[in-house]
Amino acid sequence: MAYWLMKSEPGAWSWDNQVKEGVAEWDGVRNHQASNNMKAMTKGDKAFFYHSVNEKRIVGIVSVVKE
């Protein structure tokens, strides 16, 4: 199992959105390195859910459920 950092702007997708949806596809990644890291994720990996911009903190932990 690997551990990752998933960064999101709260105005675009917040921890509250994630909790409400339960499972959500992570899309809209423009950074090439970030996209490659996402392709390296495997089912069962864990990720720290990080709010960027003003909060700048880890707000939760998620699991990768689909490759």
PDB file of N, CA and C in Angstrom:
ATOM      1  N   MET A   1       0.852  -1.175   0.000  1.00  0.00           N
ATOM      2  CA  MET A   1       0.000   0.000   0.000  1.00  0.00           C
ATOM      3  C   MET A   1       0.898   1.239   0.000  1.00  0.00           C
ATOM      4  N   ALA A   2       0.509   2.223  -0.807  1.00  0.00           N
ATOM      5  CA  ALA A   2       1.232   3.491  -0.879  1.00  0.00           C
ATOM      6  C   ALA A   2       0.360   4.594  -0.283  1.00  0.00           C
ATOM      7  N   TYR A   3       0.997   5.688   0.068  1.00  0.00           N
ATOM      8  CA  TYR A   3       0.300   6.863   0.598  1.00  0.00           C
ATOM      9  C   TYR A   3       0.556   8.039  -0.336  1.00  0.00           C
ATOM     10  N   TRP A   4      -0.499   8.813  -0.602  1.00  0.00           N
ATOM     11  CA  TRP A   4      -0.439   9.913  -1.547  1.00  0.00           C
ATOM     12  C   TRP A   4      -1.003  11.172  -0.923  1.00  0.00           C
ATOM     13  N   LEU A   5      -0.777  12.302  -1.588  1.00  0.00           N
ATOM     14  CA  LEU A   5      -1.362  13.577  -1.185  1.00  0.00           C
ATOM     15  C   LEU A   5      -2.270  14.047  -2.317  1.00  0.00           C
ATOM     16  N   MET A   6      -3.553  14.222  -2.021  1.00  0.00           N
ATOM     17  CA  MET A   6      -4.516  14.717  -3.005  1.00  0.00           C
ATOM     18  C   MET A   6      -4.871  16.147  -2.610  1.00  0.00           C
ATOM     19  N   LYS A   7      -4.487  17.095  -3.456  1.00  0.00           N
ATOM     20  CA  LYS A   7      -4.653  18.512  -3.162  1.00  0.00           C
ATOM     21  C   LYS A   7      -5.849  19.066  -3.915  1.00  0.00           C
ATOM     22  N   SER A   8      -6.679  19.831  -3.215  1.00  0.00           N
ATOM     23  CA  SER A   8      -7.856  20.424  -3.850  1.00  0.00           C
ATOM     24  C   SER A   8      -8.122  21.806  -3.279  1.00  0.00           C
ATOM     25  N   GLU A   9      -8.574  22.694  -4.147  1.00  0.00           N
ATOM     26  CA  GLU A   9      -9.031  24.000  -3.684  1.00  0.00           C
ATOM     27  C   GLU A   9     -10.435  23.814  -3.123  1.00  0.00           C
ATOM     28  N   PRO A  10     -10.679  24.216  -1.872  1.00  0.00           N
ATOM     29  CA  PRO A  10     -11.991  24.002  -1.256  1.00  0.00           C
ATOM     30  C   PRO A  10     -13.152  24.568  -2.066  1.00  0.00           C
ATOM     31  N   GLY A  11     -12.918  25.646  -2.815  1.00  0.00           N
ATOM     32  CA  GLY A  11     -13.983  26.226  -3.632  1.00  0.00           C
ATOM     33  C   GLY A  11     -14.357  25.356  -4.822  1.00  0.00           C
ATOM     34  N   ALA A  12     -13.426  24.510  -5.263  1.00  0.00           N
ATOM     35  CA  ALA A  12     -13.680  23.622  -6.403  1.00  0.00           C
ATOM     36  C   ALA A  12     -14.195  22.266  -5.942  1.00  0.00           C
ATOM     37  N   TRP A  13     -13.553  21.672  -4.952  1.00  0.00           N
ATOM     38  CA  TRP A  13     -13.970  20.374  -4.395  1.00  0.00           C
ATOM     39  C   TRP A  13     -13.450  20.306  -2.962  1.00  0.00           C
ATOM     40  N   SER A  14     -14.345  20.353  -2.006  1.00  0.00           N
ATOM     41  CA  SER A  14     -13.953  20.406  -0.598  1.00  0.00           C
ATOM     42  C   SER A  14     -14.086  19.038   0.068  1.00  0.00           C
ATOM     43  N   TRP A  15     -13.573  18.946   1.263  1.00  0.00           N
ATOM     44  CA  TRP A  15     -13.711  17.728   2.054  1.00  0.00           C
ATOM     45  C   TRP A  15     -15.199  17.443   2.289  1.00  0.00           C
ATOM     46  N   ASP A  16     -15.990  18.485   2.524  1.00  0.00           N
ATOM     47  CA  ASP A  16     -17.436  18.298   2.704  1.00  0.00           C
ATOM     48  C   ASP A  16     -18.063  17.671   1.459  1.00  0.00           C
ATOM     49  N   ASN A  17     -17.642  18.115   0.260  1.00  0.00           N
ATOM     50  CA  ASN A  17     -18.130  17.494  -0.979  1.00  0.00           C
ATOM     51  C   ASN A  17     -17.765  16.011  -1.006  1.00  0.00           C
ATOM     52  N   GLN A  18     -16.532  15.704  -0.643  1.00  0.00           N
ATOM     53  CA  GLN A  18     -16.047  14.325  -0.675  1.00  0.00           C
ATOM     54  C   GLN A  18     -16.849  13.437   0.276  1.00  0.00           C
ATOM     55  N   VAL A  19     -17.084  13.948   1.461  1.00  0.00           N
ATOM     56  CA  VAL A  19     -17.850  13.178   2.457  1.00  0.00           C
ATOM     57  C   VAL A  19     -19.269  12.940   1.959  1.00  0.00           C
ATOM     58  N   LYS A  20     -19.893  13.962   1.387  1.00  0.00           N
ATOM     59  CA  LYS A  20     -21.264  13.828   0.864  1.00  0.00           C
ATOM     60  C   LYS A  20     -21.353  12.795  -0.250  1.00  0.00           C
ATOM     61  N   GLU A  21     -20.405  12.845  -1.186  1.00  0.00           N
ATOM     62  CA  GLU A  21     -20.412  11.933  -2.337  1.00  0.00           C
ATOM     63  C   GLU A  21     -19.956  10.529  -1.962  1.00  0.00           C
ATOM     64  N   GLY A  22     -19.056  10.426  -1.015  1.00  0.00           N
ATOM     65  CA  GLY A  22     -18.526   9.117  -0.625  1.00  0.00           C
ATOM     66  C   GLY A  22     -17.453   8.649  -1.591  1.00  0.00           C
ATOM     67  N   VAL A  23     -17.836   8.380  -2.818  1.00  0.00           N
ATOM     68  CA  VAL A  23     -16.889   7.968  -3.871  1.00  0.00           C
ATOM     69  C   VAL A  23     -17.019   8.974  -5.004  1.00  0.00           C
ATOM     70  N   ALA A  24     -15.886   9.483  -5.455  1.00  0.00           N
ATOM     71  CA  ALA A  24     -15.913  10.463  -6.543  1.00  0.00           C
ATOM     72  C   ALA A  24     -14.676  10.297  -7.411  1.00  0.00           C
ATOM     73  N   GLU A  25     -14.868  10.502  -8.711  1.00  0.00           N
ATOM     74  CA  GLU A  25     -13.750  10.446  -9.643  1.00  0.00           C
ATOM     75  C   GLU A  25     -12.956  11.748  -9.532  1.00  0.00           C
ATOM     76  N   TRP A  26     -11.638  11.619  -9.456  1.00  0.00           N
ATOM     77  CA  TRP A  26     -10.778  12.789  -9.359  1.00  0.00           C
ATOM     78  C   TRP A  26     -10.361  13.152 -10.776  1.00  0.00           C
ATOM     79  N   ASP A  27     -10.848  14.279 -11.276  1.00  0.00           N
ATOM     80  CA  ASP A  27     -10.534  14.655 -12.651  1.00  0.00           C
ATOM     81  C   ASP A  27     -10.112  16.119 -12.717  1.00  0.00           C
ATOM     82  N   GLY A  28      -9.797  16.567 -13.913  1.00  0.00           N
ATOM     83  CA  GLY A  28      -9.411  17.951 -14.100  1.00  0.00           C
ATOM     84  C   GLY A  28      -7.974  18.254 -13.718  1.00  0.00           C
ATOM     85  N   VAL A  29      -7.153  17.216 -13.588  1.00  0.00           N
ATOM     86  CA  VAL A  29      -5.749  17.414 -13.215  1.00  0.00           C
ATOM     87  C   VAL A  29      -4.987  17.899 -14.446  1.00  0.00           C
ATOM     88  N   ARG A  30      -4.365  19.065 -14.323  1.00  0.00           N
ATOM     89  CA  ARG A  30      -3.635  19.651 -15.448  1.00  0.00           C
ATOM     90  C   ARG A  30      -2.126  19.422 -15.355  1.00  0.00           C
ATOM     91  N   ASN A  31      -1.631  19.223 -14.163  1.00  0.00           N
ATOM     92  CA  ASN A  31      -0.194  19.049 -13.962  1.00  0.00           C
ATOM     93  C   ASN A  31       0.229  17.653 -14.419  1.00  0.00           C
ATOM     94  N   HIS A  32       1.223  17.594 -15.305  1.00  0.00           N
ATOM     95  CA  HIS A  32       1.663  16.318 -15.880  1.00  0.00           C
ATOM     96  C   HIS A  32       2.186  15.352 -14.812  1.00  0.00           C
ATOM     97  N   GLN A  33       2.985  15.843 -13.891  1.00  0.00           N
ATOM     98  CA  GLN A  33       3.541  14.979 -12.845  1.00  0.00           C
ATOM     99  C   GLN A  33       2.436  14.450 -11.928  1.00  0.00           C
ATOM    100  N   ALA A  34       1.484  15.304 -11.588  1.00  0.00           N
ATOM    101  CA  ALA A  34       0.361  14.874 -10.756  1.00  0.00           C
ATOM    102  C   ALA A  34      -0.464  13.810 -11.469  1.00  0.00           C
ATOM    103  N   SER A  35      -0.671  14.001 -12.759  1.00  0.00           N
ATOM    104  CA  SER A  35      -1.417  13.026 -13.556  1.00  0.00           C
ATOM    105  C   SER A  35      -0.701  11.674 -13.569  1.00  0.00           C
ATOM    106  N   ASN A  36       0.612  11.693 -13.736  1.00  0.00           N
ATOM    107  CA  ASN A  36       1.394  10.446 -13.710  1.00  0.00           C
ATOM    108  C   ASN A  36       1.308   9.770 -12.344  1.00  0.00           C
ATOM    109  N   ASN A  37       1.345  10.558 -11.275  1.00  0.00           N
ATOM    110  CA  ASN A  37       1.221   9.982  -9.935  1.00  0.00           C
ATOM    111  C   ASN A  37      -0.141   9.327  -9.750  1.00  0.00           C
ATOM    112  N   MET A  38      -1.185   9.950 -10.279  1.00  0.00           N
ATOM    113  CA  MET A  38      -2.517   9.358 -10.157  1.00  0.00           C
ATOM    114  C   MET A  38      -2.599   8.037 -10.913  1.00  0.00           C
ATOM    115  N   LYS A  39      -1.923   7.961 -12.056  1.00  0.00           N
ATOM    116  CA  LYS A  39      -1.909   6.709 -12.816  1.00  0.00           C
ATOM    117  C   LYS A  39      -1.170   5.607 -12.067  1.00  0.00           C
ATOM    118  N   ALA A  40      -0.276   5.978 -11.179  1.00  0.00           N
ATOM    119  CA  ALA A  40       0.489   5.005 -10.403  1.00  0.00           C
ATOM    120  C   ALA A  40      -0.276   4.498  -9.175  1.00  0.00           C
ATOM    121  N   MET A  41      -1.391   5.128  -8.849  1.00  0.00           N
ATOM    122  CA  MET A  41      -2.176   4.712  -7.687  1.00  0.00           C
ATOM    123  C   MET A  41      -2.843   3.372  -7.950  1.00  0.00           C
ATOM    124  N   THR A  42      -2.925   2.573  -6.907  1.00  0.00           N
ATOM    125  CA  THR A  42      -3.590   1.277  -7.023  1.00  0.00           C
ATOM    126  C   THR A  42      -4.690   1.166  -5.970  1.00  0.00           C
ATOM    127  N   LYS A  43      -5.643   0.322  -6.262  1.00  0.00           N
ATOM    128  CA  LYS A  43      -6.764   0.107  -5.351  1.00  0.00           C
ATOM    129  C   LYS A  43      -6.229  -0.264  -3.972  1.00  0.00           C
ATOM    130  N   GLY A  44      -6.764   0.402  -2.952  1.00  0.00           N
ATOM    131  CA  GLY A  44      -6.340   0.146  -1.580  1.00  0.00           C
ATOM    132  C   GLY A  44      -5.330   1.152  -1.054  1.00  0.00           C
ATOM    133  N   ASP A  45      -4.687   1.913  -1.953  1.00  0.00           N
ATOM    134  CA  ASP A  45      -3.777   2.968  -1.501  1.00  0.00           C
ATOM    135  C   ASP A  45      -4.567   4.000  -0.706  1.00  0.00           C
ATOM    136  N   LYS A  46      -3.897   4.701   0.169  1.00  0.00           N
ATOM    137  CA  LYS A  46      -4.511   5.770   0.965  1.00  0.00           C
ATOM    138  C   LYS A  46      -3.986   7.110   0.478  1.00  0.00           C
ATOM    139  N   ALA A  47      -4.788   8.155   0.664  1.00  0.00           N
ATOM    140  CA  ALA A  47      -4.368   9.497   0.283  1.00  0.00           C
ATOM    141  C   ALA A  47      -4.823  10.496   1.338  1.00  0.00           C
ATOM    142  N   PHE A  48      -3.949  11.424   1.636  1.00  0.00           N
ATOM    143  CA  PHE A  48      -4.299  12.540   2.506  1.00  0.00           C
ATOM    144  C   PHE A  48      -4.997  13.586   1.651  1.00  0.00           C
ATOM    145  N   PHE A  49      -6.168  14.019   2.081  1.00  0.00           N
ATOM    146  CA  PHE A  49      -6.957  15.022   1.355  1.00  0.00           C
ATOM    147  C   PHE A  49      -6.555  16.388   1.898  1.00  0.00           C
ATOM    148  N   TYR A  50      -5.925  17.203   1.043  1.00  0.00           N
ATOM    149  CA  TYR A  50      -5.330  18.472   1.443  1.00  0.00           C
ATOM    150  C   TYR A  50      -6.085  19.639   0.827  1.00  0.00           C
ATOM    151  N   HIS A  51      -6.495  20.591   1.674  1.00  0.00           N
ATOM    152  CA  HIS A  51      -7.102  21.825   1.185  1.00  0.00           C
ATOM    153  C   HIS A  51      -5.994  22.833   0.922  1.00  0.00           C
ATOM    154  N   SER A  52      -5.902  23.287  -0.320  1.00  0.00           N
ATOM    155  CA  SER A  52      -4.908  24.301  -0.662  1.00  0.00           C
ATOM    156  C   SER A  52      -5.524  25.692  -0.495  1.00  0.00           C
ATOM    157  N   VAL A  53      -4.853  26.690  -0.943  1.00  0.00           N
ATOM    158  CA  VAL A  53      -5.238  28.100  -0.920  1.00  0.00           C
ATOM    159  C   VAL A  53      -5.164  28.637   0.510  1.00  0.00           C
ATOM    160  N   ASN A  54      -6.286  28.990   1.135  1.00  0.00           N
ATOM    161  CA  ASN A  54      -6.252  29.658   2.446  1.00  0.00           C
ATOM    162  C   ASN A  54      -6.013  28.708   3.621  1.00  0.00           C
ATOM    163  N   GLU A  55      -6.650  27.545   3.612  1.00  0.00           N
ATOM    164  CA  GLU A  55      -6.534  26.625   4.753  1.00  0.00           C
ATOM    165  C   GLU A  55      -5.161  25.988   4.854  1.00  0.00           C
ATOM    166  N   LYS A  56      -4.680  25.458   3.759  1.00  0.00           N
ATOM    167  CA  LYS A  56      -3.386  24.783   3.680  1.00  0.00           C
ATOM    168  C   LYS A  56      -3.201  23.769   4.816  1.00  0.00           C
ATOM    169  N   ARG A  57      -4.054  22.739   4.778  1.00  0.00           N
ATOM    170  CA  ARG A  57      -3.957  21.677   5.791  1.00  0.00           C
ATOM    171  C   ARG A  57      -4.612  20.401   5.295  1.00  0.00           C
ATOM    172  N   ILE A  58      -4.207  19.300   5.893  1.00  0.00           N
ATOM    173  CA  ILE A  58      -4.842  18.010   5.608  1.00  0.00           C
ATOM    174  C   ILE A  58      -6.154  17.973   6.372  1.00  0.00           C
ATOM    175  N   VAL A  59      -7.237  17.653   5.666  1.00  0.00           N
ATOM    176  CA  VAL A  59      -8.557  17.666   6.280  1.00  0.00           C
ATOM    177  C   VAL A  59      -9.188  16.277   6.367  1.00  0.00           C
ATOM    178  N   GLY A  60      -8.571  15.273   5.732  1.00  0.00           N
ATOM    179  CA  GLY A  60      -9.141  13.937   5.784  1.00  0.00           C
ATOM    180  C   GLY A  60      -8.249  12.922   5.092  1.00  0.00           C
ATOM    181  N   ILE A  61      -8.679  11.674   5.160  1.00  0.00           N
ATOM    182  CA  ILE A  61      -7.961  10.570   4.518  1.00  0.00           C
ATOM    183  C   ILE A  61      -8.965   9.806   3.656  1.00  0.00           C
ATOM    184  N   VAL A  62      -8.557   9.509   2.425  1.00  0.00           N
ATOM    185  CA  VAL A  62      -9.410   8.767   1.493  1.00  0.00           C
ATOM    186  C   VAL A  62      -8.690   7.504   1.035  1.00  0.00           C
ATOM    187  N   SER A  63      -9.447   6.588   0.468  1.00  0.00           N
ATOM    188  CA  SER A  63      -8.894   5.360  -0.096  1.00  0.00           C
ATOM    189  C   SER A  63      -9.105   5.343  -1.596  1.00  0.00           C
ATOM    190  N   VAL A  64      -8.133   4.817  -2.324  1.00  0.00           N
ATOM    191  CA  VAL A  64      -8.279   4.638  -3.768  1.00  0.00           C
ATOM    192  C   VAL A  64      -9.152   3.397  -3.961  1.00  0.00           C
ATOM    193  N   VAL A  65     -10.272   3.552  -4.685  1.00  0.00           N
ATOM    194  CA  VAL A  65     -11.210   2.447  -4.848  1.00  0.00           C
ATOM    195  C   VAL A  65     -11.243   1.891  -6.269  1.00  0.00           C
ATOM    196  N   LYS A  66     -10.568   2.591  -7.207  1.00  0.00           N
ATOM    197  CA  LYS A  66     -10.576   2.154  -8.603  1.00  0.00           C
ATOM    198  C   LYS A  66      -9.291   2.622  -9.269  1.00  0.00           C
ATOM    199  N   GLU A  67      -8.751   1.777 -10.126  1.00  0.00           N
ATOM    200  CA  GLU A  67      -7.531   2.153 -10.855  1.00  0.00           C
ATOM    201  C   GLU A  67      -7.873   2.694 -12.210  1.00  0.00           C
TER     202      GLU A  67
END
